[in-house]
């Protein structure tokens, strides 16, 4: 299981990479693996104001639909339109080209409430 060491994570399987005051958000390798082949992605609009834990996007697969939650509060400043057109990018590269949206953080201290890679890994169910 791929878990980047320099990212932060939520219990609902979103990842966050911080650069300056911008949080890039996507779903984890674990999440995309559980959903299997993604078929549809709905993203928030640029300039949407979001609060941490708001439902802001939806990913659908052949198995299920799942909400994507904002890990931090702020304003959506960019969305990845490529994943809307080609949802399978998230399956192939969840931590790279498969990012979903970027938030300019209004409360950067919220990052402290997120899990680091070790905590996230420990939170995952044991593989059978």
N, C-alpha and C. Protein backbone atom coordinates (compact mmCIF):
# COMPACT_ATOMS: atom_id res chain seq x y z
N UNK A 1 0.86 -1.18 0.00
CA UNK A 1 0.00 0.00 0.00
C UNK A 1 0.90 1.24 0.00
N UNK A 2 0.62 2.12 -0.92
CA UNK A 2 1.41 3.34 -1.07
C UNK A 2 0.85 4.43 -0.16
N UNK A 3 1.66 4.91 0.79
CA UNK A 3 1.25 5.99 1.70
C UNK A 3 2.40 7.00 1.77
N UNK A 4 2.31 8.10 1.01
CA UNK A 4 3.41 9.08 1.02
C UNK A 4 3.67 9.63 2.43
N UNK A 5 4.92 9.67 2.80
CA UNK A 5 5.30 10.05 4.16
C UNK A 5 5.09 11.54 4.44
N UNK A 6 5.09 12.38 3.41
CA UNK A 6 5.01 13.83 3.63
C UNK A 6 3.59 14.37 3.47
N UNK A 7 2.60 13.49 3.35
CA UNK A 7 1.21 13.91 3.23
C UNK A 7 0.52 13.80 4.59
N UNK A 8 -0.67 14.39 4.68
CA UNK A 8 -1.56 14.21 5.83
C UNK A 8 -2.81 13.49 5.34
N UNK A 9 -3.54 12.86 6.26
CA UNK A 9 -4.66 12.01 5.88
C UNK A 9 -5.84 12.19 6.81
N UNK A 10 -7.03 11.87 6.28
CA UNK A 10 -8.25 11.89 7.09
C UNK A 10 -8.71 10.46 7.34
N UNK A 11 -9.57 10.29 8.31
CA UNK A 11 -10.11 8.95 8.57
C UNK A 11 -11.05 8.51 7.46
N UNK A 12 -11.52 9.46 6.64
CA UNK A 12 -12.40 9.12 5.51
C UNK A 12 -11.60 8.95 4.21
N UNK A 13 -10.28 8.81 4.33
CA UNK A 13 -9.39 8.42 3.23
C UNK A 13 -9.12 9.50 2.19
N UNK A 14 -9.12 10.76 2.62
CA UNK A 14 -8.60 11.83 1.77
C UNK A 14 -7.15 12.06 2.15
N UNK A 15 -6.35 12.46 1.16
CA UNK A 15 -4.97 12.86 1.44
C UNK A 15 -4.84 14.36 1.19
N UNK A 16 -3.84 14.95 1.85
CA UNK A 16 -3.59 16.39 1.72
C UNK A 16 -2.09 16.61 1.59
N UNK A 17 -1.71 17.38 0.60
CA UNK A 17 -0.32 17.83 0.46
C UNK A 17 -0.34 19.35 0.57
N UNK A 18 0.48 19.89 1.47
CA UNK A 18 0.50 21.33 1.71
C UNK A 18 1.71 21.94 1.03
N UNK A 19 1.48 22.98 0.27
CA UNK A 19 2.56 23.80 -0.31
C UNK A 19 2.14 25.24 -0.08
N UNK A 20 2.97 25.97 0.68
CA UNK A 20 2.62 27.33 1.10
C UNK A 20 1.29 27.25 1.83
N UNK A 21 0.25 27.94 1.40
CA UNK A 21 -1.03 27.90 2.10
C UNK A 21 -2.08 27.15 1.27
N UNK A 22 -1.61 26.34 0.30
CA UNK A 22 -2.52 25.61 -0.58
C UNK A 22 -2.49 24.13 -0.23
N UNK A 23 -3.69 23.58 -0.01
CA UNK A 23 -3.84 22.15 0.28
C UNK A 23 -4.35 21.46 -0.97
N UNK A 24 -3.54 20.57 -1.53
CA UNK A 24 -3.98 19.74 -2.65
C UNK A 24 -4.61 18.49 -2.04
N UNK A 25 -5.79 18.10 -2.55
CA UNK A 25 -6.58 17.04 -1.94
C UNK A 25 -6.91 15.96 -2.97
N UNK A 26 -6.87 14.71 -2.52
CA UNK A 26 -7.30 13.59 -3.35
C UNK A 26 -7.76 12.46 -2.45
N UNK A 27 -8.06 11.32 -3.06
CA UNK A 27 -8.40 10.15 -2.26
C UNK A 27 -7.18 9.22 -2.23
N UNK A 28 -7.06 8.48 -1.16
CA UNK A 28 -5.88 7.65 -0.95
C UNK A 28 -5.87 6.43 -1.86
N UNK A 29 -4.71 5.83 -1.94
CA UNK A 29 -4.55 4.58 -2.68
C UNK A 29 -5.49 3.52 -2.11
N UNK A 30 -5.60 3.47 -0.80
CA UNK A 30 -6.52 2.52 -0.16
C UNK A 30 -7.95 2.76 -0.64
N UNK A 31 -8.39 4.02 -0.66
CA UNK A 31 -9.77 4.35 -1.06
C UNK A 31 -10.02 3.95 -2.51
N UNK A 32 -9.12 4.32 -3.41
CA UNK A 32 -9.36 3.99 -4.82
C UNK A 32 -9.34 2.48 -5.02
N UNK A 33 -8.53 1.77 -4.25
CA UNK A 33 -8.47 0.32 -4.35
C UNK A 33 -9.78 -0.32 -3.87
N UNK A 34 -10.34 0.22 -2.79
CA UNK A 34 -11.60 -0.29 -2.27
C UNK A 34 -12.76 -0.03 -3.23
N UNK A 35 -12.75 1.14 -3.86
CA UNK A 35 -13.81 1.48 -4.80
C UNK A 35 -13.68 0.72 -6.11
N UNK A 36 -12.49 0.38 -6.49
CA UNK A 36 -12.11 -0.24 -7.76
C UNK A 36 -12.28 0.76 -8.90
N UNK A 37 -12.70 0.34 -10.07
CA UNK A 37 -12.65 1.19 -11.26
C UNK A 37 -13.58 2.40 -11.15
N UNK A 38 -12.99 3.59 -11.05
CA UNK A 38 -13.80 4.81 -10.96
C UNK A 38 -14.42 5.10 -12.33
N UNK A 39 -15.70 5.51 -12.30
CA UNK A 39 -16.43 5.77 -13.54
C UNK A 39 -16.94 7.20 -13.64
N UNK A 40 -17.00 7.92 -12.51
CA UNK A 40 -17.56 9.27 -12.50
C UNK A 40 -16.99 10.04 -11.32
N UNK A 41 -16.65 11.30 -11.55
CA UNK A 41 -16.18 12.17 -10.47
C UNK A 41 -16.86 13.52 -10.61
N UNK A 42 -17.40 14.00 -9.50
CA UNK A 42 -18.01 15.33 -9.45
C UNK A 42 -17.18 16.16 -8.47
N UNK A 43 -16.72 17.31 -8.93
CA UNK A 43 -15.84 18.15 -8.12
C UNK A 43 -16.56 19.44 -7.71
N UNK A 44 -16.04 20.12 -6.67
CA UNK A 44 -16.62 21.41 -6.29
C UNK A 44 -16.30 22.47 -7.34
N UNK A 45 -16.93 23.61 -7.23
CA UNK A 45 -16.65 24.72 -8.15
C UNK A 45 -15.51 25.57 -7.59
N UNK A 46 -14.72 26.12 -8.50
CA UNK A 46 -13.68 27.07 -8.08
C UNK A 46 -14.39 28.24 -7.39
N UNK A 47 -13.79 28.72 -6.32
CA UNK A 47 -14.29 29.80 -5.46
C UNK A 47 -15.31 29.34 -4.43
N UNK A 48 -15.68 28.05 -4.41
CA UNK A 48 -16.54 27.55 -3.33
C UNK A 48 -15.81 27.71 -2.01
N UNK A 49 -16.52 28.19 -1.01
CA UNK A 49 -16.00 28.24 0.35
C UNK A 49 -16.38 26.94 1.04
N UNK A 50 -15.41 26.26 1.63
CA UNK A 50 -15.67 24.98 2.28
C UNK A 50 -15.15 25.00 3.71
N UNK A 51 -15.77 24.20 4.53
CA UNK A 51 -15.31 24.00 5.91
C UNK A 51 -14.80 22.57 6.04
N UNK A 52 -13.85 22.40 6.94
CA UNK A 52 -13.33 21.05 7.18
C UNK A 52 -14.49 20.11 7.48
N UNK A 53 -14.48 18.96 6.84
CA UNK A 53 -15.46 17.88 6.95
C UNK A 53 -16.72 18.09 6.12
N UNK A 54 -16.81 19.19 5.35
CA UNK A 54 -17.92 19.36 4.40
C UNK A 54 -17.80 18.33 3.28
N UNK A 55 -18.95 17.83 2.82
CA UNK A 55 -18.96 17.01 1.61
C UNK A 55 -18.75 17.95 0.43
N UNK A 56 -17.70 17.73 -0.36
CA UNK A 56 -17.41 18.67 -1.44
C UNK A 56 -17.28 18.02 -2.81
N UNK A 57 -17.18 16.70 -2.87
CA UNK A 57 -17.04 16.02 -4.15
C UNK A 57 -17.62 14.62 -4.02
N UNK A 58 -17.78 13.97 -5.16
CA UNK A 58 -18.29 12.60 -5.19
C UNK A 58 -17.44 11.80 -6.17
N UNK A 59 -17.08 10.59 -5.77
CA UNK A 59 -16.44 9.65 -6.69
C UNK A 59 -17.33 8.41 -6.77
N UNK A 60 -17.53 7.95 -8.00
CA UNK A 60 -18.35 6.77 -8.21
C UNK A 60 -17.55 5.72 -8.96
N UNK A 61 -17.82 4.48 -8.61
CA UNK A 61 -17.15 3.37 -9.28
C UNK A 61 -18.19 2.34 -9.68
N UNK A 62 -17.72 1.26 -10.26
CA UNK A 62 -18.62 0.17 -10.59
C UNK A 62 -19.20 -0.46 -9.32
N UNK A 63 -18.55 -0.25 -8.19
CA UNK A 63 -18.99 -0.85 -6.92
C UNK A 63 -19.90 0.07 -6.10
N UNK A 64 -19.55 1.39 -6.02
CA UNK A 64 -20.24 2.27 -5.08
C UNK A 64 -19.96 3.72 -5.39
N UNK A 65 -20.74 4.59 -4.75
CA UNK A 65 -20.47 6.02 -4.78
C UNK A 65 -19.97 6.41 -3.39
N UNK A 66 -19.07 7.38 -3.36
CA UNK A 66 -18.51 7.79 -2.09
C UNK A 66 -18.32 9.31 -2.07
N UNK A 67 -18.67 9.93 -0.95
CA UNK A 67 -18.44 11.36 -0.81
C UNK A 67 -16.97 11.62 -0.50
N UNK A 68 -16.51 12.76 -0.95
CA UNK A 68 -15.16 13.23 -0.64
C UNK A 68 -15.34 14.47 0.23
N UNK A 69 -14.65 14.51 1.36
CA UNK A 69 -14.80 15.57 2.35
C UNK A 69 -13.62 16.53 2.31
N UNK A 70 -13.89 17.79 2.59
CA UNK A 70 -12.81 18.78 2.70
C UNK A 70 -12.02 18.49 3.97
N UNK A 71 -10.72 18.28 3.86
CA UNK A 71 -9.93 18.02 5.06
C UNK A 71 -9.61 19.29 5.84
N UNK A 72 -9.68 20.44 5.16
CA UNK A 72 -9.41 21.74 5.78
C UNK A 72 -10.42 22.75 5.26
N UNK A 73 -10.52 23.87 5.95
CA UNK A 73 -11.42 24.95 5.56
C UNK A 73 -10.71 25.93 4.64
N UNK A 74 -11.49 26.55 3.76
CA UNK A 74 -10.91 27.56 2.89
C UNK A 74 -11.71 27.72 1.62
N UNK A 75 -11.03 28.20 0.58
CA UNK A 75 -11.66 28.47 -0.71
C UNK A 75 -11.03 27.56 -1.77
N UNK A 76 -11.89 26.91 -2.54
CA UNK A 76 -11.41 26.07 -3.64
C UNK A 76 -10.80 26.99 -4.69
N UNK A 77 -9.52 26.77 -4.99
CA UNK A 77 -8.83 27.65 -5.94
C UNK A 77 -8.52 26.96 -7.27
N UNK A 78 -8.63 25.63 -7.30
CA UNK A 78 -8.37 24.91 -8.55
C UNK A 78 -9.00 23.53 -8.46
N UNK A 79 -9.49 23.04 -9.61
CA UNK A 79 -9.99 21.67 -9.68
C UNK A 79 -9.26 20.96 -10.82
N UNK A 80 -9.19 19.65 -10.71
CA UNK A 80 -8.50 18.85 -11.72
C UNK A 80 -9.53 18.33 -12.73
N UNK A 81 -9.76 19.08 -13.79
CA UNK A 81 -10.77 18.70 -14.79
C UNK A 81 -10.40 17.41 -15.52
N UNK A 82 -9.11 17.07 -15.54
CA UNK A 82 -8.70 15.82 -16.21
C UNK A 82 -9.34 14.60 -15.59
N UNK A 83 -9.51 14.60 -14.25
CA UNK A 83 -10.09 13.41 -13.61
C UNK A 83 -11.60 13.32 -13.86
N UNK A 84 -12.24 14.45 -14.17
CA UNK A 84 -13.65 14.41 -14.53
C UNK A 84 -13.80 13.71 -15.88
N UNK A 85 -12.91 14.05 -16.80
CA UNK A 85 -12.94 13.46 -18.13
C UNK A 85 -12.42 12.02 -18.14
N UNK A 86 -11.44 11.73 -17.28
CA UNK A 86 -10.82 10.40 -17.22
C UNK A 86 -10.69 9.96 -15.76
N UNK A 87 -11.79 9.49 -15.15
CA UNK A 87 -11.74 9.12 -13.73
C UNK A 87 -10.69 8.07 -13.39
N UNK A 88 -10.33 7.22 -14.36
CA UNK A 88 -9.37 6.16 -14.07
C UNK A 88 -7.97 6.70 -13.76
N UNK A 89 -7.72 7.98 -14.01
CA UNK A 89 -6.44 8.58 -13.60
C UNK A 89 -6.26 8.41 -12.09
N UNK A 90 -7.35 8.55 -11.33
CA UNK A 90 -7.27 8.41 -9.87
C UNK A 90 -6.86 6.99 -9.50
N UNK A 91 -7.35 6.00 -10.25
CA UNK A 91 -6.95 4.61 -9.98
C UNK A 91 -5.47 4.40 -10.28
N UNK A 92 -4.99 5.00 -11.35
CA UNK A 92 -3.60 4.79 -11.77
C UNK A 92 -2.60 5.58 -10.93
N UNK A 93 -2.96 6.80 -10.52
CA UNK A 93 -2.00 7.69 -9.87
C UNK A 93 -2.70 8.56 -8.83
N UNK A 94 -3.20 7.95 -7.74
CA UNK A 94 -4.01 8.70 -6.78
C UNK A 94 -3.28 9.86 -6.10
N UNK A 95 -1.95 9.75 -5.95
CA UNK A 95 -1.20 10.80 -5.25
C UNK A 95 -0.51 11.79 -6.19
N UNK A 96 -0.66 11.58 -7.48
CA UNK A 96 -0.01 12.45 -8.46
C UNK A 96 -1.05 13.12 -9.34
N UNK A 97 -1.15 12.63 -10.58
CA UNK A 97 -2.08 13.22 -11.53
C UNK A 97 -3.53 13.06 -11.12
N UNK A 98 -3.82 12.17 -10.17
CA UNK A 98 -5.18 11.91 -9.73
C UNK A 98 -5.69 12.81 -8.62
N UNK A 99 -4.98 13.92 -8.35
CA UNK A 99 -5.48 14.86 -7.34
C UNK A 99 -6.85 15.40 -7.79
N UNK A 100 -7.66 15.86 -6.81
CA UNK A 100 -9.02 16.28 -7.14
C UNK A 100 -9.20 17.80 -7.14
N UNK A 101 -8.79 18.46 -6.03
CA UNK A 101 -8.99 19.91 -5.95
C UNK A 101 -7.97 20.51 -4.99
N UNK A 102 -7.85 21.84 -5.07
CA UNK A 102 -6.92 22.57 -4.20
C UNK A 102 -7.70 23.62 -3.42
N UNK A 103 -7.34 23.74 -2.14
CA UNK A 103 -7.99 24.68 -1.23
C UNK A 103 -6.96 25.66 -0.70
N UNK A 104 -7.25 26.95 -0.82
CA UNK A 104 -6.46 27.96 -0.12
C UNK A 104 -6.98 27.99 1.31
N UNK A 105 -6.13 27.58 2.24
CA UNK A 105 -6.58 27.36 3.62
C UNK A 105 -6.88 28.67 4.35
N UNK A 106 -8.01 28.69 5.04
CA UNK A 106 -8.34 29.83 5.88
C UNK A 106 -7.94 29.60 7.33
N UNK A 107 -7.73 28.32 7.69
CA UNK A 107 -7.31 27.95 9.05
C UNK A 107 -6.21 26.89 8.96
N UNK A 108 -4.97 27.31 8.64
CA UNK A 108 -3.89 26.33 8.45
C UNK A 108 -3.65 25.43 9.65
N UNK A 109 -4.04 25.87 10.83
CA UNK A 109 -3.84 25.05 12.02
C UNK A 109 -4.66 23.75 11.97
N UNK A 110 -5.67 23.68 11.10
CA UNK A 110 -6.47 22.45 10.98
C UNK A 110 -5.63 21.26 10.51
N UNK A 111 -4.50 21.53 9.88
CA UNK A 111 -3.61 20.46 9.45
C UNK A 111 -3.20 19.60 10.66
N UNK A 112 -3.06 20.24 11.82
CA UNK A 112 -2.66 19.51 13.02
C UNK A 112 -3.68 18.46 13.44
N UNK A 113 -4.94 18.59 12.96
CA UNK A 113 -5.98 17.62 13.30
C UNK A 113 -5.96 16.39 12.40
N UNK A 114 -5.15 16.42 11.35
CA UNK A 114 -5.09 15.31 10.40
C UNK A 114 -4.01 14.31 10.80
N UNK A 115 -4.15 13.09 10.30
CA UNK A 115 -3.20 12.03 10.62
C UNK A 115 -1.94 12.14 9.76
N UNK A 116 -0.80 11.78 10.34
CA UNK A 116 0.41 11.64 9.53
C UNK A 116 0.38 10.23 8.91
N UNK A 117 1.37 9.91 8.09
CA UNK A 117 1.36 8.65 7.35
C UNK A 117 1.32 7.43 8.29
N UNK A 118 2.07 7.47 9.37
CA UNK A 118 2.08 6.33 10.30
C UNK A 118 0.71 6.15 10.95
N UNK A 119 0.10 7.24 11.39
CA UNK A 119 -1.21 7.15 12.01
C UNK A 119 -2.25 6.62 11.02
N UNK A 120 -2.16 7.12 9.78
CA UNK A 120 -3.11 6.65 8.77
C UNK A 120 -2.93 5.15 8.51
N UNK A 121 -1.70 4.73 8.35
CA UNK A 121 -1.44 3.31 8.09
C UNK A 121 -1.98 2.44 9.23
N UNK A 122 -1.80 2.89 10.46
CA UNK A 122 -2.30 2.14 11.62
C UNK A 122 -3.83 2.10 11.65
N UNK A 123 -4.49 3.10 11.05
CA UNK A 123 -5.95 3.16 11.08
C UNK A 123 -6.60 2.22 10.08
N UNK A 124 -5.83 1.73 9.12
CA UNK A 124 -6.40 0.88 8.07
C UNK A 124 -6.66 -0.52 8.59
N UNK A 125 -7.72 -1.17 8.08
CA UNK A 125 -7.97 -2.55 8.50
C UNK A 125 -6.83 -3.46 8.06
N UNK A 126 -6.57 -4.48 8.82
CA UNK A 126 -5.54 -5.44 8.47
C UNK A 126 -5.95 -6.18 7.21
N UNK A 127 -5.00 -6.38 6.31
CA UNK A 127 -5.30 -7.12 5.09
C UNK A 127 -5.43 -8.59 5.41
N UNK A 128 -6.39 -9.23 4.77
CA UNK A 128 -6.63 -10.65 5.04
C UNK A 128 -5.83 -11.52 4.12
